[in-house]
Amino acid sequence: MKIYCLKRCQFLPISQEEAWDFFSSPRNLSKITPGYMEFEIKSISGREQMYAGQMIHYKLNVLPGIPTRWVTEITHVRELEYFVDEQRIGPYALWNHQHFFKAVEGGVEMRDEVHYALPLGALGQVAHWLFVQREINAIFNYRFEMLESLFSKHNRLSKTA
């Protein structure tokens, strides 16, 4: 099984606490997911704020017009610093998404590291080359832009308040 890795880093002009509050609420994921994916949370176990062992059930279109069930488990949480979600049911043979938050001057540095693998062996590798890699990059590019938009507005509002 071929394992791929995507790494992203983004500066947000907010405090580490504000970043944590936003990202530790599974409900905010829909705000940073492209609309064409028709992302919908079906259920969240336990409380709304994330914790290790929390299960989140989604429905989304991984491919246009093809609804897919996806279940992730929050496997590790260190408040304000990082959390990890792993796919339990979904389109990938492996999905491990690590989210890191570090206070830096003027805001927070947010890092994502995603390790993923596709099913179907060589056919999965061809699919990765043809469209999966491009799609994952597009999703994270969208996420980057949405976070820029959300938090640059937030920062302007907090300075004027």
N, C-alpha and C. Protein backbone atom coordinates (compact mmCIF):
# COMPACT_ATOMS: atom_id res chain seq x y z
N MET A 1 0.85 -1.18 0.00
CA MET A 1 0.00 0.00 0.00
C MET A 1 0.89 1.24 0.00
N LYS A 2 0.67 2.11 -0.96
CA LYS A 2 1.42 3.36 -1.08
C LYS A 2 0.76 4.40 -0.17
N ILE A 3 1.56 5.00 0.71
CA ILE A 3 1.06 6.04 1.63
C ILE A 3 1.56 7.39 1.14
N TYR A 4 0.61 8.32 0.99
CA TYR A 4 0.91 9.68 0.54
C TYR A 4 0.87 10.62 1.74
N CYS A 5 1.51 11.76 1.60
CA CYS A 5 1.54 12.73 2.69
C CYS A 5 1.31 14.13 2.13
N LEU A 6 0.44 14.85 2.77
CA LEU A 6 0.18 16.26 2.45
C LEU A 6 0.52 17.06 3.69
N LYS A 7 1.30 18.12 3.53
CA LYS A 7 1.63 19.01 4.65
C LYS A 7 1.26 20.42 4.27
N ARG A 8 0.63 21.11 5.19
CA ARG A 8 0.25 22.51 5.00
C ARG A 8 0.53 23.28 6.28
N CYS A 9 0.84 24.56 6.11
CA CYS A 9 1.08 25.44 7.25
C CYS A 9 0.41 26.77 6.94
N GLN A 10 -0.24 27.35 7.95
CA GLN A 10 -0.95 28.62 7.75
C GLN A 10 -0.87 29.45 9.01
N PHE A 11 -0.62 30.74 8.82
CA PHE A 11 -0.64 31.69 9.93
C PHE A 11 -2.04 32.28 10.02
N LEU A 12 -2.59 32.31 11.23
CA LEU A 12 -3.88 32.94 11.46
C LEU A 12 -3.69 34.04 12.50
N PRO A 13 -4.23 35.24 12.25
CA PRO A 13 -4.03 36.38 13.15
C PRO A 13 -4.99 36.35 14.34
N ILE A 14 -5.03 35.22 15.03
CA ILE A 14 -5.89 35.04 16.20
C ILE A 14 -5.07 34.34 17.27
N SER A 15 -5.60 34.30 18.47
CA SER A 15 -4.88 33.62 19.56
C SER A 15 -4.97 32.11 19.40
N GLN A 16 -4.10 31.43 20.10
CA GLN A 16 -4.12 29.97 20.10
C GLN A 16 -5.46 29.46 20.66
N GLU A 17 -5.98 30.15 21.66
CA GLU A 17 -7.25 29.77 22.25
C GLU A 17 -8.40 29.91 21.24
N GLU A 18 -8.41 31.00 20.48
CA GLU A 18 -9.46 31.20 19.48
C GLU A 18 -9.36 30.13 18.38
N ALA A 19 -8.14 29.83 17.97
CA ALA A 19 -7.95 28.80 16.96
C ALA A 19 -8.45 27.45 17.49
N TRP A 20 -8.09 27.14 18.72
CA TRP A 20 -8.51 25.87 19.31
C TRP A 20 -10.04 25.80 19.40
N ASP A 21 -10.67 26.89 19.86
CA ASP A 21 -12.12 26.90 19.98
C ASP A 21 -12.79 26.61 18.63
N PHE A 22 -12.26 27.19 17.57
CA PHE A 22 -12.84 26.97 16.24
C PHE A 22 -12.62 25.54 15.77
N PHE A 23 -11.39 25.06 15.81
CA PHE A 23 -11.06 23.76 15.23
C PHE A 23 -11.48 22.59 16.10
N SER A 24 -11.67 22.80 17.39
CA SER A 24 -12.06 21.68 18.24
C SER A 24 -13.57 21.47 18.25
N SER A 25 -14.29 22.26 17.49
CA SER A 25 -15.73 22.03 17.32
C SER A 25 -15.96 21.39 15.96
N PRO A 26 -16.34 20.12 15.92
CA PRO A 26 -16.56 19.44 14.63
C PRO A 26 -17.55 20.17 13.73
N ARG A 27 -18.48 20.92 14.32
CA ARG A 27 -19.49 21.63 13.52
C ARG A 27 -18.86 22.68 12.59
N ASN A 28 -17.69 23.18 12.93
CA ASN A 28 -17.05 24.20 12.09
C ASN A 28 -16.43 23.62 10.82
N LEU A 29 -16.31 22.32 10.74
CA LEU A 29 -15.70 21.71 9.56
C LEU A 29 -16.49 22.06 8.28
N SER A 30 -17.79 22.15 8.40
CA SER A 30 -18.60 22.48 7.21
C SER A 30 -18.29 23.88 6.69
N LYS A 31 -17.82 24.78 7.54
CA LYS A 31 -17.49 26.15 7.12
C LYS A 31 -16.25 26.21 6.24
N ILE A 32 -15.41 25.18 6.31
CA ILE A 32 -14.15 25.20 5.55
C ILE A 32 -14.06 24.05 4.55
N THR A 33 -15.22 23.47 4.22
CA THR A 33 -15.29 22.39 3.23
C THR A 33 -16.02 22.92 2.00
N PRO A 34 -15.49 22.67 0.80
CA PRO A 34 -16.14 23.16 -0.42
C PRO A 34 -17.60 22.72 -0.50
N GLY A 35 -18.46 23.64 -0.93
CA GLY A 35 -19.89 23.37 -1.02
C GLY A 35 -20.26 22.21 -1.92
N TYR A 36 -19.50 22.02 -3.01
CA TYR A 36 -19.82 20.94 -3.95
C TYR A 36 -19.70 19.56 -3.32
N MET A 37 -19.02 19.49 -2.17
CA MET A 37 -18.88 18.20 -1.49
C MET A 37 -20.14 17.83 -0.71
N GLU A 38 -21.06 18.80 -0.56
CA GLU A 38 -22.31 18.58 0.17
C GLU A 38 -22.07 17.91 1.52
N PHE A 39 -21.13 18.44 2.26
CA PHE A 39 -20.71 17.93 3.55
C PHE A 39 -21.84 18.07 4.57
N GLU A 40 -22.13 16.99 5.27
CA GLU A 40 -23.18 17.02 6.28
C GLU A 40 -22.79 16.10 7.44
N ILE A 41 -22.79 16.66 8.65
CA ILE A 41 -22.55 15.84 9.84
C ILE A 41 -23.85 15.13 10.18
N LYS A 42 -23.79 13.82 10.28
CA LYS A 42 -24.97 13.01 10.62
C LYS A 42 -25.08 12.81 12.14
N SER A 43 -23.93 12.62 12.80
CA SER A 43 -23.96 12.48 14.26
C SER A 43 -22.56 12.69 14.83
N ILE A 44 -22.56 13.12 16.09
CA ILE A 44 -21.31 13.32 16.84
C ILE A 44 -21.52 12.64 18.19
N SER A 45 -20.60 11.74 18.55
CA SER A 45 -20.76 11.07 19.83
C SER A 45 -20.36 12.01 20.97
N GLY A 46 -20.99 11.79 22.11
CA GLY A 46 -20.63 12.56 23.30
C GLY A 46 -20.97 14.03 23.18
N ARG A 47 -20.11 14.84 23.73
CA ARG A 47 -20.34 16.29 23.74
C ARG A 47 -19.88 16.93 22.44
N GLU A 48 -20.21 18.18 22.25
CA GLU A 48 -19.86 18.90 21.03
C GLU A 48 -18.35 19.15 20.92
N GLN A 49 -17.70 19.50 22.02
CA GLN A 49 -16.26 19.77 21.99
C GLN A 49 -15.52 18.44 21.86
N MET A 50 -14.51 18.42 21.02
CA MET A 50 -13.83 17.15 20.73
C MET A 50 -13.08 16.58 21.93
N TYR A 51 -12.94 15.27 21.90
CA TYR A 51 -12.21 14.53 22.92
C TYR A 51 -11.70 13.24 22.28
N ALA A 52 -10.65 12.67 22.85
CA ALA A 52 -10.11 11.41 22.32
C ALA A 52 -11.19 10.33 22.45
N GLY A 53 -11.44 9.64 21.35
CA GLY A 53 -12.46 8.60 21.31
C GLY A 53 -13.76 9.07 20.68
N GLN A 54 -13.89 10.36 20.42
CA GLN A 54 -15.11 10.88 19.81
C GLN A 54 -15.25 10.35 18.38
N MET A 55 -16.46 9.93 18.03
CA MET A 55 -16.76 9.44 16.69
C MET A 55 -17.66 10.46 15.99
N ILE A 56 -17.32 10.77 14.74
CA ILE A 56 -18.09 11.73 13.96
C ILE A 56 -18.50 11.05 12.66
N HIS A 57 -19.78 11.05 12.37
CA HIS A 57 -20.33 10.43 11.16
C HIS A 57 -20.72 11.54 10.20
N TYR A 58 -20.24 11.45 8.94
CA TYR A 58 -20.51 12.45 7.93
C TYR A 58 -21.12 11.78 6.70
N LYS A 59 -21.72 12.62 5.89
CA LYS A 59 -22.07 12.25 4.53
C LYS A 59 -21.50 13.35 3.66
N LEU A 60 -20.82 12.98 2.59
CA LEU A 60 -20.25 13.96 1.68
C LEU A 60 -20.04 13.32 0.32
N ASN A 61 -19.83 14.16 -0.66
CA ASN A 61 -19.53 13.68 -2.01
C ASN A 61 -18.03 13.75 -2.21
N VAL A 62 -17.37 12.60 -2.19
CA VAL A 62 -15.94 12.56 -2.48
C VAL A 62 -15.74 12.76 -3.98
N LEU A 63 -16.62 12.15 -4.76
CA LEU A 63 -16.68 12.39 -6.21
C LEU A 63 -18.02 13.07 -6.49
N PRO A 64 -18.08 13.98 -7.46
CA PRO A 64 -19.31 14.72 -7.73
C PRO A 64 -20.52 13.80 -7.90
N GLY A 65 -21.56 14.10 -7.11
CA GLY A 65 -22.82 13.37 -7.23
C GLY A 65 -22.83 11.98 -6.62
N ILE A 66 -21.74 11.58 -5.98
CA ILE A 66 -21.67 10.25 -5.38
C ILE A 66 -21.53 10.40 -3.87
N PRO A 67 -22.66 10.30 -3.14
CA PRO A 67 -22.59 10.46 -1.68
C PRO A 67 -21.83 9.30 -1.04
N THR A 68 -21.01 9.66 -0.08
CA THR A 68 -20.16 8.70 0.61
C THR A 68 -20.33 8.86 2.11
N ARG A 69 -20.38 7.77 2.80
CA ARG A 69 -20.40 7.78 4.26
C ARG A 69 -18.96 7.82 4.75
N TRP A 70 -18.70 8.66 5.75
CA TRP A 70 -17.35 8.76 6.29
C TRP A 70 -17.48 8.83 7.80
N VAL A 71 -16.73 8.01 8.50
CA VAL A 71 -16.71 8.03 9.96
C VAL A 71 -15.27 8.26 10.39
N THR A 72 -15.08 9.28 11.22
CA THR A 72 -13.74 9.52 11.77
C THR A 72 -13.79 9.41 13.28
N GLU A 73 -12.65 9.05 13.83
CA GLU A 73 -12.48 9.02 15.28
C GLU A 73 -11.39 10.02 15.64
N ILE A 74 -11.66 10.82 16.65
CA ILE A 74 -10.63 11.70 17.21
C ILE A 74 -9.79 10.79 18.12
N THR A 75 -8.55 10.55 17.74
CA THR A 75 -7.75 9.57 18.47
C THR A 75 -6.82 10.18 19.51
N HIS A 76 -6.39 11.40 19.29
CA HIS A 76 -5.48 12.08 20.24
C HIS A 76 -5.89 13.53 20.35
N VAL A 77 -5.83 14.05 21.58
CA VAL A 77 -6.11 15.46 21.81
C VAL A 77 -5.18 15.96 22.90
N ARG A 78 -4.46 17.01 22.61
CA ARG A 78 -3.74 17.77 23.64
C ARG A 78 -4.23 19.20 23.49
N GLU A 79 -5.09 19.61 24.42
CA GLU A 79 -5.77 20.89 24.32
C GLU A 79 -4.81 22.03 24.00
N LEU A 80 -5.23 22.86 23.05
CA LEU A 80 -4.51 24.03 22.54
C LEU A 80 -3.34 23.69 21.64
N GLU A 81 -2.88 22.42 21.62
CA GLU A 81 -1.67 22.08 20.88
C GLU A 81 -1.92 21.23 19.64
N TYR A 82 -2.68 20.14 19.77
CA TYR A 82 -2.90 19.29 18.59
C TYR A 82 -4.05 18.33 18.81
N PHE A 83 -4.55 17.81 17.70
CA PHE A 83 -5.48 16.69 17.74
C PHE A 83 -5.29 15.89 16.46
N VAL A 84 -5.73 14.64 16.50
CA VAL A 84 -5.60 13.73 15.36
C VAL A 84 -6.95 13.10 15.09
N ASP A 85 -7.35 13.12 13.80
CA ASP A 85 -8.54 12.36 13.42
C ASP A 85 -8.12 11.28 12.43
N GLU A 86 -8.76 10.12 12.57
CA GLU A 86 -8.48 8.98 11.70
C GLU A 86 -9.78 8.43 11.14
N GLN A 87 -9.77 8.12 9.86
CA GLN A 87 -10.94 7.51 9.23
C GLN A 87 -11.14 6.10 9.75
N ARG A 88 -12.39 5.80 10.11
CA ARG A 88 -12.77 4.43 10.48
C ARG A 88 -13.57 3.77 9.36
N ILE A 89 -14.43 4.56 8.70
CA ILE A 89 -15.20 4.08 7.55
C ILE A 89 -15.14 5.20 6.52
N GLY A 90 -14.82 4.85 5.28
CA GLY A 90 -14.79 5.88 4.25
C GLY A 90 -14.04 5.41 3.01
N PRO A 91 -13.73 6.36 2.16
CA PRO A 91 -13.19 6.02 0.84
C PRO A 91 -11.70 5.68 0.82
N TYR A 92 -10.99 5.95 1.89
CA TYR A 92 -9.54 5.73 1.90
C TYR A 92 -9.19 4.42 2.60
N ALA A 93 -8.09 3.83 2.19
CA ALA A 93 -7.58 2.67 2.91
C ALA A 93 -6.94 3.12 4.23
N LEU A 94 -6.45 4.37 4.24
CA LEU A 94 -5.84 4.98 5.43
C LEU A 94 -6.06 6.47 5.35
N TRP A 95 -6.46 7.09 6.45
CA TRP A 95 -6.57 8.55 6.56
C TRP A 95 -6.22 8.92 7.98
N ASN A 96 -5.10 9.61 8.16
CA ASN A 96 -4.64 10.08 9.46
C ASN A 96 -4.32 11.55 9.30
N HIS A 97 -5.11 12.42 9.95
CA HIS A 97 -4.97 13.86 9.80
C HIS A 97 -4.57 14.46 11.15
N GLN A 98 -3.36 15.00 11.19
CA GLN A 98 -2.82 15.62 12.39
C GLN A 98 -2.91 17.13 12.26
N HIS A 99 -3.47 17.78 13.30
CA HIS A 99 -3.66 19.23 13.32
C HIS A 99 -2.82 19.78 14.47
N PHE A 100 -1.92 20.72 14.18
CA PHE A 100 -1.04 21.29 15.20
C PHE A 100 -1.27 22.80 15.28
N PHE A 101 -1.22 23.34 16.51
CA PHE A 101 -1.42 24.77 16.75
C PHE A 101 -0.29 25.27 17.63
N LYS A 102 0.36 26.33 17.18
CA LYS A 102 1.49 26.88 17.93
C LYS A 102 1.36 28.39 17.98
N ALA A 103 1.38 28.95 19.19
CA ALA A 103 1.33 30.40 19.35
C ALA A 103 2.61 31.00 18.79
N VAL A 104 2.47 32.00 17.96
CA VAL A 104 3.60 32.73 17.40
C VAL A 104 3.27 34.22 17.52
N GLU A 105 4.25 35.04 17.29
CA GLU A 105 4.01 36.49 17.40
C GLU A 105 2.89 36.92 16.46
N GLY A 106 1.88 37.56 17.04
CA GLY A 106 0.78 38.08 16.24
C GLY A 106 -0.32 37.09 15.91
N GLY A 107 -0.21 35.85 16.40
CA GLY A 107 -1.27 34.89 16.07
C GLY A 107 -0.89 33.46 16.38
N VAL A 108 -1.32 32.59 15.49
CA VAL A 108 -1.08 31.16 15.67
C VAL A 108 -0.65 30.55 14.34
N GLU A 109 0.29 29.63 14.43
CA GLU A 109 0.69 28.84 13.25
C GLU A 109 -0.07 27.53 13.33
N MET A 110 -0.81 27.25 12.28
CA MET A 110 -1.58 26.02 12.21
C MET A 110 -0.92 25.12 11.15
N ARG A 111 -0.62 23.89 11.55
CA ARG A 111 -0.03 22.94 10.61
C ARG A 111 -0.93 21.72 10.49
N ASP A 112 -1.06 21.26 9.27
CA ASP A 112 -1.78 20.02 8.99
C ASP A 112 -0.79 19.03 8.38
N GLU A 113 -0.90 17.80 8.81
CA GLU A 113 -0.15 16.72 8.18
C GLU A 113 -1.13 15.56 7.99
N VAL A 114 -1.33 15.20 6.73
CA VAL A 114 -2.27 14.14 6.40
C VAL A 114 -1.51 13.00 5.75
N HIS A 115 -1.64 11.82 6.31
CA HIS A 115 -1.13 10.59 5.70
C HIS A 115 -2.34 9.82 5.22
N TYR A 116 -2.31 9.43 3.96
CA TYR A 116 -3.46 8.73 3.40
C TYR A 116 -3.01 7.71 2.37
N ALA A 117 -3.86 6.72 2.18
CA ALA A 117 -3.62 5.68 1.17
C ALA A 117 -4.95 5.35 0.53
N LEU A 118 -4.88 4.93 -0.70
CA LEU A 118 -6.08 4.56 -1.45
C LEU A 118 -6.19 3.05 -1.53
N PRO A 119 -7.42 2.57 -1.63
CA PRO A 119 -7.61 1.12 -1.82
C PRO A 119 -7.29 0.76 -3.28
N LEU A 120 -7.38 -0.48 -3.61
CA LEU A 120 -7.29 -1.01 -4.97
C LEU A 120 -5.88 -1.05 -5.56
N GLY A 121 -4.86 -1.03 -4.72
CA GLY A 121 -3.49 -1.23 -5.18
C GLY A 121 -3.07 -0.30 -6.30
N ALA A 122 -2.61 -0.89 -7.41
CA ALA A 122 -2.10 -0.11 -8.54
C ALA A 122 -3.19 0.79 -9.13
N LEU A 123 -4.42 0.32 -9.13
CA LEU A 123 -5.53 1.14 -9.65
C LEU A 123 -5.71 2.39 -8.78
N GLY A 124 -5.57 2.24 -7.47
CA GLY A 124 -5.64 3.37 -6.55
C GLY A 124 -4.51 4.36 -6.81
N GLN A 125 -3.32 3.86 -7.12
CA GLN A 125 -2.19 4.75 -7.42
C GLN A 125 -2.45 5.55 -8.70
N VAL A 126 -3.03 4.89 -9.69
CA VAL A 126 -3.37 5.60 -10.94
C VAL A 126 -4.43 6.66 -10.64
N ALA A 127 -5.45 6.31 -9.84
CA ALA A 127 -6.49 7.28 -9.48
C ALA A 127 -5.87 8.47 -8.74
N HIS A 128 -4.89 8.19 -7.88
CA HIS A 128 -4.21 9.27 -7.16
C HIS A 128 -3.54 10.20 -8.15
N TRP A 129 -2.85 9.64 -9.08
CA TRP A 129 -2.13 10.43 -10.09
C TRP A 129 -3.10 11.20 -10.98
N LEU A 130 -4.21 10.57 -11.36
CA LEU A 130 -5.16 11.20 -12.28
C LEU A 130 -5.99 12.31 -11.63
N PHE A 131 -6.50 12.06 -10.40
CA PHE A 131 -7.39 13.07 -9.83
C PHE A 131 -7.41 13.20 -8.32
N VAL A 132 -7.10 12.17 -7.57
CA VAL A 132 -7.23 12.24 -6.11
C VAL A 132 -6.28 13.28 -5.51
N GLN A 133 -5.03 13.26 -5.93
CA GLN A 133 -4.07 14.22 -5.39
C GLN A 133 -4.51 15.65 -5.69
N ARG A 134 -4.98 15.88 -6.90
CA ARG A 134 -5.45 17.21 -7.29
C ARG A 134 -6.66 17.63 -6.44
N GLU A 135 -7.57 16.70 -6.20
CA GLU A 135 -8.78 16.99 -5.42
C GLU A 135 -8.43 17.30 -3.97
N ILE A 136 -7.55 16.51 -3.36
CA ILE A 136 -7.15 16.77 -1.97
C ILE A 136 -6.48 18.14 -1.87
N ASN A 137 -5.62 18.46 -2.82
CA ASN A 137 -4.99 19.79 -2.82
C ASN A 137 -6.02 20.89 -2.97
N ALA A 138 -7.01 20.69 -3.83
CA ALA A 138 -8.07 21.69 -4.02
C ALA A 138 -8.86 21.90 -2.73
N ILE A 139 -9.15 20.83 -2.02
CA ILE A 139 -9.89 20.93 -0.76
C ILE A 139 -9.08 21.73 0.26
N PHE A 140 -7.79 21.45 0.37
CA PHE A 140 -6.97 22.18 1.33
C PHE A 140 -6.69 23.62 0.87
N ASN A 141 -6.65 23.86 -0.43
CA ASN A 141 -6.55 25.24 -0.92
C ASN A 141 -7.80 26.03 -0.56
N TYR A 142 -8.95 25.41 -0.74
CA TYR A 142 -10.22 26.04 -0.37
C TYR A 142 -10.23 26.35 1.13
N ARG A 143 -9.81 25.39 1.90
CA ARG A 143 -9.76 25.55 3.35
C ARG A 143 -8.87 26.73 3.73
N PHE A 144 -7.70 26.82 3.09
CA PHE A 144 -6.77 27.92 3.34
C PHE A 144 -7.45 29.26 3.08
N GLU A 145 -8.11 29.36 1.93
CA GLU A 145 -8.77 30.62 1.56
C GLU A 145 -9.92 30.96 2.52
N MET A 146 -10.70 29.97 2.91
CA MET A 146 -11.80 30.21 3.83
C MET A 146 -11.30 30.66 5.20
N LEU A 147 -10.23 30.05 5.66
CA LEU A 147 -9.66 30.46 6.96
C LEU A 147 -9.10 31.87 6.88
N GLU A 148 -8.44 32.19 5.76
CA GLU A 148 -7.95 33.56 5.56
C GLU A 148 -9.12 34.53 5.65
N SER A 149 -10.18 34.22 4.96
CA SER A 149 -11.36 35.09 4.92
C SER A 149 -12.02 35.19 6.30
N LEU A 150 -12.26 34.07 6.93
CA LEU A 150 -12.92 34.07 8.24
C LEU A 150 -12.13 34.83 9.29
N PHE A 151 -10.83 34.58 9.35
CA PHE A 151 -10.06 35.13 10.45
C PHE A 151 -9.45 36.50 10.15
N SER A 152 -9.31 36.87 8.90
CA SER A 152 -8.87 38.24 8.64
C SER A 152 -10.03 39.18 8.96
N LYS A 153 -11.28 38.78 8.66
CA LYS A 153 -12.45 39.57 9.04
C LYS A 153 -12.56 39.62 10.56
N HIS A 154 -12.36 38.46 11.20
CA HIS A 154 -12.46 38.38 12.66
C HIS A 154 -11.44 39.31 13.29
N ASN A 155 -10.23 39.33 12.74
CA ASN A 155 -9.17 40.16 13.31
C ASN A 155 -9.53 41.63 13.14
N ARG A 156 -10.06 42.04 11.99
CA ARG A 156 -10.47 43.44 11.79
C ARG A 156 -11.58 43.80 12.76
N LEU A 157 -12.54 42.90 12.97
CA LEU A 157 -13.65 43.18 13.89
C LEU A 157 -13.16 43.32 15.32
N SER A 158 -12.24 42.46 15.73
CA SER A 158 -11.77 42.51 17.11
C SER A 158 -10.93 43.77 17.34
N LYS A 159 -10.28 44.30 16.32
CA LYS A 159 -9.50 45.53 16.50
C LYS A 159 -10.40 46.74 16.60
N THR A 160 -11.59 46.69 15.96
CA THR A 160 -12.48 47.84 15.99
C THR A 160 -13.44 47.79 17.18
N ALA A 161 -13.55 46.65 17.82
CA ALA A 161 -14.51 46.50 18.92
C ALA A 161 -13.96 47.08 20.21
